[in-house]
Amino acid sequence: MLLLGIILFGMVIGAGAQLLLGGSTRSIDWPMAFGSGLAGSFVGGLLVSLLSGDGLAFRPSGIIGSLVGAVLVTLGWQWWRRRSSAA
């Protein structure tokens, strides 16, 4: 059950990152949302939670860190995709 929650949370965070970067609700790339949400949640959420002293608990600092991490991963993914298609 925890694994399913983590996957759903990652997809929601990844979709939110795409929306923050200017995407519309009709053009959400769900595989990218899944990948960037999970990677961003792991990296950003873990780092911010540990740096703020919250530990590995589900806290607002981890949610904010997850969103920031997902935005960074999405930006990197979009940059890589544009770079690959231009070549």
PDB file of N, CA and C in Angstrom:
ATOM      1  N   MET A   1       0.821  -1.186   0.000  1.00  0.00           N
ATOM      2  CA  MET A   1       0.000   0.000   0.000  1.00  0.00           C
ATOM      3  C   MET A   1       0.874   1.263   0.000  1.00  0.00           C
ATOM      4  N   LEU A   2       1.969   1.224   0.747  1.00  0.00           N
ATOM      5  CA  LEU A   2       2.884   2.361   0.794  1.00  0.00           C
ATOM      6  C   LEU A   2       3.492   2.615  -0.581  1.00  0.00           C
ATOM      7  N   LEU A   3       3.847   1.557  -1.276  1.00  0.00           N
ATOM      8  CA  LEU A   3       4.431   1.697  -2.612  1.00  0.00           C
ATOM      9  C   LEU A   3       3.448   2.358  -3.578  1.00  0.00           C
ATOM     10  N   LEU A   4       2.192   1.977  -3.514  1.00  0.00           N
ATOM     11  CA  LEU A   4       1.180   2.592  -4.360  1.00  0.00           C
ATOM     12  C   LEU A   4       1.020   4.074  -4.027  1.00  0.00           C
ATOM     13  N   GLY A   5       1.055   4.415  -2.756  1.00  0.00           N
ATOM     14  CA  GLY A   5       0.980   5.811  -2.338  1.00  0.00           C
ATOM     15  C   GLY A   5       2.161   6.626  -2.839  1.00  0.00           C
ATOM     16  N   ILE A   6       3.352   6.052  -2.793  1.00  0.00           N
ATOM     17  CA  ILE A   6       4.551   6.732  -3.272  1.00  0.00           C
ATOM     18  C   ILE A   6       4.464   6.967  -4.774  1.00  0.00           C
ATOM     19  N   ILE A   7       3.987   5.980  -5.511  1.00  0.00           N
ATOM     20  CA  ILE A   7       3.853   6.117  -6.960  1.00  0.00           C
ATOM     21  C   ILE A   7       2.832   7.197  -7.306  1.00  0.00           C
ATOM     22  N   LEU A   8       1.688   7.191  -6.644  1.00  0.00           N
ATOM     23  CA  LEU A   8       0.662   8.203  -6.914  1.00  0.00           C
ATOM     24  C   LEU A   8       1.145   9.593  -6.521  1.00  0.00           C
ATOM     25  N   PHE A   9       1.815   9.706  -5.377  1.00  0.00           N
ATOM     26  CA  PHE A   9       2.358  10.987  -4.937  1.00  0.00           C
ATOM     27  C   PHE A   9       3.377  11.506  -5.942  1.00  0.00           C
ATOM     28  N   GLY A  10       4.229  10.629  -6.434  1.00  0.00           N
ATOM     29  CA  GLY A  10       5.227  11.017  -7.426  1.00  0.00           C
ATOM     30  C   GLY A  10       4.589  11.507  -8.715  1.00  0.00           C
ATOM     31  N   MET A  11       3.539  10.843  -9.158  1.00  0.00           N
ATOM     32  CA  MET A  11       2.873  11.269 -10.391  1.00  0.00           C
ATOM     33  C   MET A  11       2.196  12.623 -10.210  1.00  0.00           C
ATOM     34  N   VAL A  12       1.582  12.844  -9.052  1.00  0.00           N
ATOM     35  CA  VAL A  12       0.924  14.127  -8.797  1.00  0.00           C
ATOM     36  C   VAL A  12       1.958  15.249  -8.719  1.00  0.00           C
ATOM     37  N   ILE A  13       3.070  14.998  -8.037  1.00  0.00           N
ATOM     38  CA  ILE A  13       4.131  16.003  -7.935  1.00  0.00           C
ATOM     39  C   ILE A  13       4.734  16.278  -9.315  1.00  0.00           C
ATOM     40  N   GLY A  14       4.957  15.241 -10.107  1.00  0.00           N
ATOM     41  CA  GLY A  14       5.501  15.418 -11.456  1.00  0.00           C
ATOM     42  C   GLY A  14       4.555  16.186 -12.361  1.00  0.00           C
ATOM     43  N   ALA A  15       3.257  15.905 -12.271  1.00  0.00           N
ATOM     44  CA  ALA A  15       2.278  16.656 -13.060  1.00  0.00           C
ATOM     45  C   ALA A  15       2.227  18.105 -12.594  1.00  0.00           C
ATOM     46  N   GLY A  16       2.317  18.325 -11.287  1.00  0.00           N
ATOM     47  CA  GLY A  16       2.350  19.685 -10.757  1.00  0.00           C
ATOM     48  C   GLY A  16       3.564  20.448 -11.240  1.00  0.00           C
ATOM     49  N   ALA A  17       4.690  19.779 -11.338  1.00  0.00           N
ATOM     50  CA  ALA A  17       5.905  20.419 -11.844  1.00  0.00           C
ATOM     51  C   ALA A  17       5.723  20.841 -13.297  1.00  0.00           C
ATOM     52  N   GLN A  18       5.087  19.995 -14.103  1.00  0.00           N
ATOM     53  CA  GLN A  18       4.844  20.350 -15.496  1.00  0.00           C
ATOM     54  C   GLN A  18       3.879  21.528 -15.595  1.00  0.00           C
ATOM     55  N   LEU A  19       2.881  21.558 -14.739  1.00  0.00           N
ATOM     56  CA  LEU A  19       1.939  22.674 -14.751  1.00  0.00           C
ATOM     57  C   LEU A  19       2.615  23.972 -14.322  1.00  0.00           C
ATOM     58  N   LEU A  20       3.514  23.892 -13.345  1.00  0.00           N
ATOM     59  CA  LEU A  20       4.247  25.082 -12.916  1.00  0.00           C
ATOM     60  C   LEU A  20       5.162  25.619 -14.007  1.00  0.00           C
ATOM     61  N   LEU A  21       5.645  24.748 -14.852  1.00  0.00           N
ATOM     62  CA  LEU A  21       6.552  25.162 -15.918  1.00  0.00           C
ATOM     63  C   LEU A  21       5.813  25.640 -17.160  1.00  0.00           C
ATOM     64  N   GLY A  22       4.496  25.738 -17.089  1.00  0.00           N
ATOM     65  CA  GLY A  22       3.749  26.324 -18.190  1.00  0.00           C
ATOM     66  C   GLY A  22       2.990  25.344 -19.055  1.00  0.00           C
ATOM     67  N   GLY A  23       2.886  24.116 -18.650  1.00  0.00           N
ATOM     68  CA  GLY A  23       2.115  23.165 -19.442  1.00  0.00           C
ATOM     69  C   GLY A  23       0.630  23.295 -19.154  1.00  0.00           C
ATOM     70  N   SER A  24      -0.187  22.785 -20.047  1.00  0.00           N
ATOM     71  CA  SER A  24      -1.631  22.786 -19.817  1.00  0.00           C
ATOM     72  C   SER A  24      -2.046  21.414 -19.321  1.00  0.00           C
ATOM     73  N   THR A  25      -3.241  21.315 -18.795  1.00  0.00           N
ATOM     74  CA  THR A  25      -3.702  20.045 -18.254  1.00  0.00           C
ATOM     75  C   THR A  25      -3.901  18.999 -19.343  1.00  0.00           C
ATOM     76  N   ARG A  26      -4.060  19.428 -20.585  1.00  0.00           N
ATOM     77  CA  ARG A  26      -4.251  18.475 -21.679  1.00  0.00           C
ATOM     78  C   ARG A  26      -2.940  17.919 -22.212  1.00  0.00           C
ATOM     79  N   SER A  27      -1.842  18.558 -21.893  1.00  0.00           N
ATOM     80  CA  SER A  27      -0.575  18.120 -22.472  1.00  0.00           C
ATOM     81  C   SER A  27       0.403  17.569 -21.428  1.00  0.00           C
ATOM     82  N   ILE A  28      -0.119  17.019 -20.348  1.00  0.00           N
ATOM     83  CA  ILE A  28       0.772  16.439 -19.344  1.00  0.00           C
ATOM     84  C   ILE A  28       1.340  15.140 -19.897  1.00  0.00           C
ATOM     85  N   ASP A  29       2.643  15.055 -19.905  1.00  0.00           N
ATOM     86  CA  ASP A  29       3.349  13.846 -20.334  1.00  0.00           C
ATOM     87  C   ASP A  29       3.449  12.945 -19.102  1.00  0.00           C
ATOM     88  N   TRP A  30       2.559  11.954 -18.993  1.00  0.00           N
ATOM     89  CA  TRP A  30       2.471  11.146 -17.781  1.00  0.00           C
ATOM     90  C   TRP A  30       3.710  10.307 -17.515  1.00  0.00           C
ATOM     91  N   PRO A  31       4.366   9.731 -18.531  1.00  0.00           N
ATOM     92  CA  PRO A  31       5.621   9.035 -18.216  1.00  0.00           C
ATOM     93  C   PRO A  31       6.677   9.983 -17.641  1.00  0.00           C
ATOM     94  N   MET A  32       6.750  11.212 -18.182  1.00  0.00           N
ATOM     95  CA  MET A  32       7.688  12.187 -17.629  1.00  0.00           C
ATOM     96  C   MET A  32       7.247  12.613 -16.231  1.00  0.00           C
ATOM     97  N   ALA A  33       5.942  12.758 -16.018  1.00  0.00           N
ATOM     98  CA  ALA A  33       5.439  13.112 -14.692  1.00  0.00           C
ATOM     99  C   ALA A  33       5.804  12.042 -13.681  1.00  0.00           C
ATOM    100  N   PHE A  34       5.676  10.784 -14.070  1.00  0.00           N
ATOM    101  CA  PHE A  34       6.029   9.672 -13.195  1.00  0.00           C
ATOM    102  C   PHE A  34       7.513   9.683 -12.859  1.00  0.00           C
ATOM    103  N   GLY A  35       8.338   9.788 -13.892  1.00  0.00           N
ATOM    104  CA  GLY A  35       9.789   9.751 -13.681  1.00  0.00           C
ATOM    105  C   GLY A  35      10.306  10.954 -12.923  1.00  0.00           C
ATOM    106  N   SER A  36       9.877  12.133 -13.312  1.00  0.00           N
ATOM    107  CA  SER A  36      10.369  13.340 -12.634  1.00  0.00           C
ATOM    108  C   SER A  36       9.792  13.451 -11.236  1.00  0.00           C
ATOM    109  N   GLY A  37       8.572  13.004 -11.045  1.00  0.00           N
ATOM    110  CA  GLY A  37       7.974  13.041  -9.711  1.00  0.00           C
ATOM    111  C   GLY A  37       8.683  12.124  -8.744  1.00  0.00           C
ATOM    112  N   LEU A  38       8.975  10.911  -9.179  1.00  0.00           N
ATOM    113  CA  LEU A  38       9.683   9.973  -8.294  1.00  0.00           C
ATOM    114  C   LEU A  38      11.118  10.417  -8.035  1.00  0.00           C
ATOM    115  N   ALA A  39      11.815  10.819  -9.095  1.00  0.00           N
ATOM    116  CA  ALA A  39      13.200  11.266  -8.915  1.00  0.00           C
ATOM    117  C   ALA A  39      13.253  12.550  -8.097  1.00  0.00           C
ATOM    118  N   GLY A  40      12.373  13.484  -8.391  1.00  0.00           N
ATOM    119  CA  GLY A  40      12.338  14.740  -7.646  1.00  0.00           C
ATOM    120  C   GLY A  40      11.939  14.547  -6.201  1.00  0.00           C
ATOM    121  N   SER A  41      10.996  13.644  -5.967  1.00  0.00           N
ATOM    122  CA  SER A  41      10.589  13.353  -4.601  1.00  0.00           C
ATOM    123  C   SER A  41      11.723  12.714  -3.820  1.00  0.00           C
ATOM    124  N   PHE A  42      12.429  11.823  -4.471  1.00  0.00           N
ATOM    125  CA  PHE A  42      13.523  11.163  -3.776  1.00  0.00           C
ATOM    126  C   PHE A  42      14.642  12.138  -3.461  1.00  0.00           C
ATOM    127  N   VAL A  43      15.097  12.847  -4.464  1.00  0.00           N
ATOM    128  CA  VAL A  43      16.238  13.751  -4.284  1.00  0.00           C
ATOM    129  C   VAL A  43      15.845  14.982  -3.483  1.00  0.00           C
ATOM    130  N   GLY A  44      14.872  15.733  -3.988  1.00  0.00           N
ATOM    131  CA  GLY A  44      14.488  16.978  -3.337  1.00  0.00           C
ATOM    132  C   GLY A  44      13.848  16.774  -1.982  1.00  0.00           C
ATOM    133  N   GLY A  45      12.904  15.850  -1.913  1.00  0.00           N
ATOM    134  CA  GLY A  45      12.218  15.598  -0.647  1.00  0.00           C
ATOM    135  C   GLY A  45      13.139  15.061   0.420  1.00  0.00           C
ATOM    136  N   LEU A  46      14.006  14.147   0.051  1.00  0.00           N
ATOM    137  CA  LEU A  46      14.937  13.581   1.013  1.00  0.00           C
ATOM    138  C   LEU A  46      15.926  14.618   1.504  1.00  0.00           C
ATOM    139  N   LEU A  47      16.495  15.375   0.587  1.00  0.00           N
ATOM    140  CA  LEU A  47      17.484  16.383   0.986  1.00  0.00           C
ATOM    141  C   LEU A  47      16.880  17.469   1.861  1.00  0.00           C
ATOM    142  N   VAL A  48      15.725  18.005   1.462  1.00  0.00           N
ATOM    143  CA  VAL A  48      15.118  19.081   2.240  1.00  0.00           C
ATOM    144  C   VAL A  48      14.656  18.568   3.601  1.00  0.00           C
ATOM    145  N   SER A  49      14.092  17.375   3.650  1.00  0.00           N
ATOM    146  CA  SER A  49      13.646  16.822   4.934  1.00  0.00           C
ATOM    147  C   SER A  49      14.820  16.611   5.878  1.00  0.00           C
ATOM    148  N   LEU A  50      15.915  16.101   5.361  1.00  0.00           N
ATOM    149  CA  LEU A  50      17.073  15.857   6.213  1.00  0.00           C
ATOM    150  C   LEU A  50      17.752  17.159   6.630  1.00  0.00           C
ATOM    151  N   LEU A  51      17.840  18.124   5.707  1.00  0.00           N
ATOM    152  CA  LEU A  51      18.476  19.402   6.032  1.00  0.00           C
ATOM    153  C   LEU A  51      17.658  20.224   7.020  1.00  0.00           C
ATOM    154  N   SER A  52      16.340  20.113   6.963  1.00  0.00           N
ATOM    155  CA  SER A  52      15.506  20.884   7.879  1.00  0.00           C
ATOM    156  C   SER A  52      15.374  20.207   9.239  1.00  0.00           C
ATOM    157  N   GLY A  53      15.863  18.999   9.369  1.00  0.00           N
ATOM    158  CA  GLY A  53      15.827  18.295  10.641  1.00  0.00           C
ATOM    159  C   GLY A  53      14.546  17.524  10.872  1.00  0.00           C
ATOM    160  N   ASP A  54      13.708  17.360   9.841  1.00  0.00           N
ATOM    161  CA  ASP A  54      12.459  16.621   9.990  1.00  0.00           C
ATOM    162  C   ASP A  54      12.658  15.110   9.931  1.00  0.00           C
ATOM    163  N   GLY A  55      13.790  14.673   9.485  1.00  0.00           N
ATOM    164  CA  GLY A  55      14.017  13.241   9.332  1.00  0.00           C
ATOM    165  C   GLY A  55      13.301  12.714   8.103  1.00  0.00           C
ATOM    166  N   LEU A  56      12.908  11.473   8.157  1.00  0.00           N
ATOM    167  CA  LEU A  56      12.257  10.852   7.007  1.00  0.00           C
ATOM    168  C   LEU A  56      10.744  10.826   7.146  1.00  0.00           C
ATOM    169  N   ALA A  57      10.176  11.709   7.936  1.00  0.00           N
ATOM    170  CA  ALA A  57       8.739  11.777   8.114  1.00  0.00           C
ATOM    171  C   ALA A  57       8.105  12.584   6.983  1.00  0.00           C
ATOM    172  N   PHE A  58       6.804  12.415   6.810  1.00  0.00           N
ATOM    173  CA  PHE A  58       6.043  13.133   5.795  1.00  0.00           C
ATOM    174  C   PHE A  58       5.697  14.507   6.357  1.00  0.00           C
ATOM    175  N   ARG A  59       6.462  15.503   5.964  1.00  0.00           N
ATOM    176  CA  ARG A  59       6.317  16.870   6.482  1.00  0.00           C
ATOM    177  C   ARG A  59       6.195  17.845   5.310  1.00  0.00           C
ATOM    178  N   PRO A  60       5.716  19.066   5.575  1.00  0.00           N
ATOM    179  CA  PRO A  60       5.623  20.062   4.501  1.00  0.00           C
ATOM    180  C   PRO A  60       6.960  20.367   3.838  1.00  0.00           C
ATOM    181  N   SER A  61       8.039  20.333   4.585  1.00  0.00           N
ATOM    182  CA  SER A  61       9.341  20.600   3.976  1.00  0.00           C
ATOM    183  C   SER A  61       9.689  19.540   2.937  1.00  0.00           C
ATOM    184  N   GLY A  62       9.305  18.313   3.179  1.00  0.00           N
ATOM    185  CA  GLY A  62       9.543  17.250   2.201  1.00  0.00           C
ATOM    186  C   GLY A  62       8.682  17.401   0.970  1.00  0.00           C
ATOM    187  N   ILE A  63       7.456  17.871   1.144  1.00  0.00           N
ATOM    188  CA  ILE A  63       6.564  18.084   0.004  1.00  0.00           C
ATOM    189  C   ILE A  63       7.096  19.213  -0.868  1.00  0.00           C
ATOM    190  N   ILE A  64       7.516  20.305  -0.238  1.00  0.00           N
ATOM    191  CA  ILE A  64       8.080  21.430  -0.981  1.00  0.00           C
ATOM    192  C   ILE A  64       9.358  21.003  -1.692  1.00  0.00           C
ATOM    193  N   GLY A  65      10.205  20.275  -1.000  1.00  0.00           N
ATOM    194  CA  GLY A  65      11.432  19.777  -1.614  1.00  0.00           C
ATOM    195  C   GLY A  65      11.149  18.836  -2.773  1.00  0.00           C
ATOM    196  N   SER A  66      10.114  18.021  -2.636  1.00  0.00           N
ATOM    197  CA  SER A  66       9.734  17.113  -3.723  1.00  0.00           C
ATOM    198  C   SER A  66       9.311  17.888  -4.953  1.00  0.00           C
ATOM    199  N   LEU A  67       8.529  18.937  -4.750  1.00  0.00           N
ATOM    200  CA  LEU A  67       8.083  19.744  -5.884  1.00  0.00           C
ATOM    201  C   LEU A  67       9.250  20.470  -6.534  1.00  0.00           C
ATOM    202  N   VAL A  68      10.142  21.029  -5.734  1.00  0.00           N
ATOM    203  CA  VAL A  68      11.321  21.713  -6.288  1.00  0.00           C
ATOM    204  C   VAL A  68      12.201  20.717  -7.043  1.00  0.00           C
ATOM    205  N   GLY A  69      12.414  19.544  -6.460  1.00  0.00           N
ATOM    206  CA  GLY A  69      13.205  18.515  -7.130  1.00  0.00           C
ATOM    207  C   GLY A  69      12.567  18.058  -8.429  1.00  0.00           C
ATOM    208  N   ALA A  70      11.234  17.909  -8.435  1.00  0.00           N
ATOM    209  CA  ALA A  70      10.535  17.493  -9.650  1.00  0.00           C
ATOM    210  C   ALA A  70      10.609  18.570 -10.729  1.00  0.00           C
ATOM    211  N   VAL A  71      10.544  19.839 -10.327  1.00  0.00           N
ATOM    212  CA  VAL A  71      10.680  20.930 -11.297  1.00  0.00           C
ATOM    213  C   VAL A  71      12.067  20.894 -11.925  1.00  0.00           C
ATOM    214  N   LEU A  72      13.090  20.687 -11.109  1.00  0.00           N
ATOM    215  CA  LEU A  72      14.457  20.631 -11.631  1.00  0.00           C
ATOM    216  C   LEU A  72      14.656  19.434 -12.562  1.00  0.00           C
ATOM    217  N   VAL A  73      14.122  18.295 -12.177  1.00  0.00           N
ATOM    218  CA  VAL A  73      14.245  17.101 -13.026  1.00  0.00           C
ATOM    219  C   VAL A  73      13.480  17.305 -14.328  1.00  0.00           C
ATOM    220  N   THR A  74      12.285  17.919 -14.267  1.00  0.00           N
ATOM    221  CA  THR A  74      11.503  18.172 -15.469  1.00  0.00           C
ATOM    222  C   THR A  74      12.218  19.152 -16.395  1.00  0.00           C
ATOM    223  N   LEU A  75      12.804  20.206 -15.819  1.00  0.00           N
ATOM    224  CA  LEU A  75      13.580  21.144 -16.632  1.00  0.00           C
ATOM    225  C   LEU A  75      14.744  20.446 -17.322  1.00  0.00           C
ATOM    226  N   GLY A  76      15.452  19.601 -16.598  1.00  0.00           N
ATOM    227  CA  GLY A  76      16.564  18.854 -17.182  1.00  0.00           C
ATOM    228  C   GLY A  76      16.098  17.899 -18.274  1.00  0.00           C
ATOM    229  N   TRP A  77      14.973  17.248 -18.048  1.00  0.00           N
ATOM    230  CA  TRP A  77      14.432  16.304 -19.022  1.00  0.00           C
ATOM    231  C   TRP A  77      14.019  17.038 -20.292  1.00  0.00           C
ATOM    232  N   GLN A  78      13.341  18.185 -20.145  1.00  0.00           N
ATOM    233  CA  GLN A  78      12.933  18.958 -21.307  1.00  0.00           C
ATOM    234  C   GLN A  78      14.130  19.506 -22.066  1.00  0.00           C
ATOM    235  N   TRP A  79      15.159  19.949 -21.356  1.00  0.00           N
ATOM    236  CA  TRP A  79      16.379  20.427 -22.002  1.00  0.00           C
ATOM    237  C   TRP A  79      17.027  19.302 -22.804  1.00  0.00           C
ATOM    238  N   TRP A  80      17.115  18.128 -22.201  1.00  0.00           N
ATOM    239  CA  TRP A  80      17.728  16.981 -22.867  1.00  0.00           C
ATOM    240  C   TRP A  80      16.930  16.585 -24.106  1.00  0.00           C
ATOM    241  N   ARG A  81      15.612  16.631 -24.005  1.00  0.00           N
ATOM    242  CA  ARG A  81      14.759  16.259 -25.135  1.00  0.00           C
ATOM    243  C   ARG A  81      14.935  17.253 -26.289  1.00  0.00           C
ATOM    244  N   ARG A  82      14.985  18.561 -25.975  1.00  0.00           N
ATOM    245  CA  ARG A  82      15.199  19.571 -27.025  1.00  0.00           C
ATOM    246  C   ARG A  82      16.582  19.426 -27.643  1.00  0.00           C
ATOM    247  N   ARG A  83      17.571  19.143 -26.829  1.00  0.00           N
ATOM    248  CA  ARG A  83      18.938  18.984 -27.321  1.00  0.00           C
ATOM    249  C   ARG A  83      19.045  17.766 -28.221  1.00  0.00           C
ATOM    250  N   SER A  84      18.381  16.682 -27.854  1.00  0.00           N
ATOM    251  CA  SER A  84      18.431  15.451 -28.656  1.00  0.00           C
ATOM    252  C   SER A  84      17.713  15.617 -29.990  1.00  0.00           C
ATOM    253  N   SER A  85      16.581  16.326 -29.975  1.00  0.00           N
ATOM    254  CA  SER A  85      15.824  16.485 -31.215  1.00  0.00           C
ATOM    255  C   SER A  85      16.461  17.483 -32.168  1.00  0.00           C
ATOM    256  N   ALA A  86      17.259  18.427 -31.637  1.00  0.00           N
ATOM    257  CA  ALA A  86      17.929  19.415 -32.483  1.00  0.00           C
ATOM    258  C   ALA A  86      19.121  18.823 -33.220  1.00  0.00           C
ATOM    259  N   ALA A  87      19.690  17.772 -32.675  1.00  0.00           N
ATOM    260  CA  ALA A  87      20.898  17.193 -33.274  1.00  0.00           C
ATOM    261  C   ALA A  87      20.608  16.305 -34.457  1.00  0.00           C
TER     262      ALA A  87
END
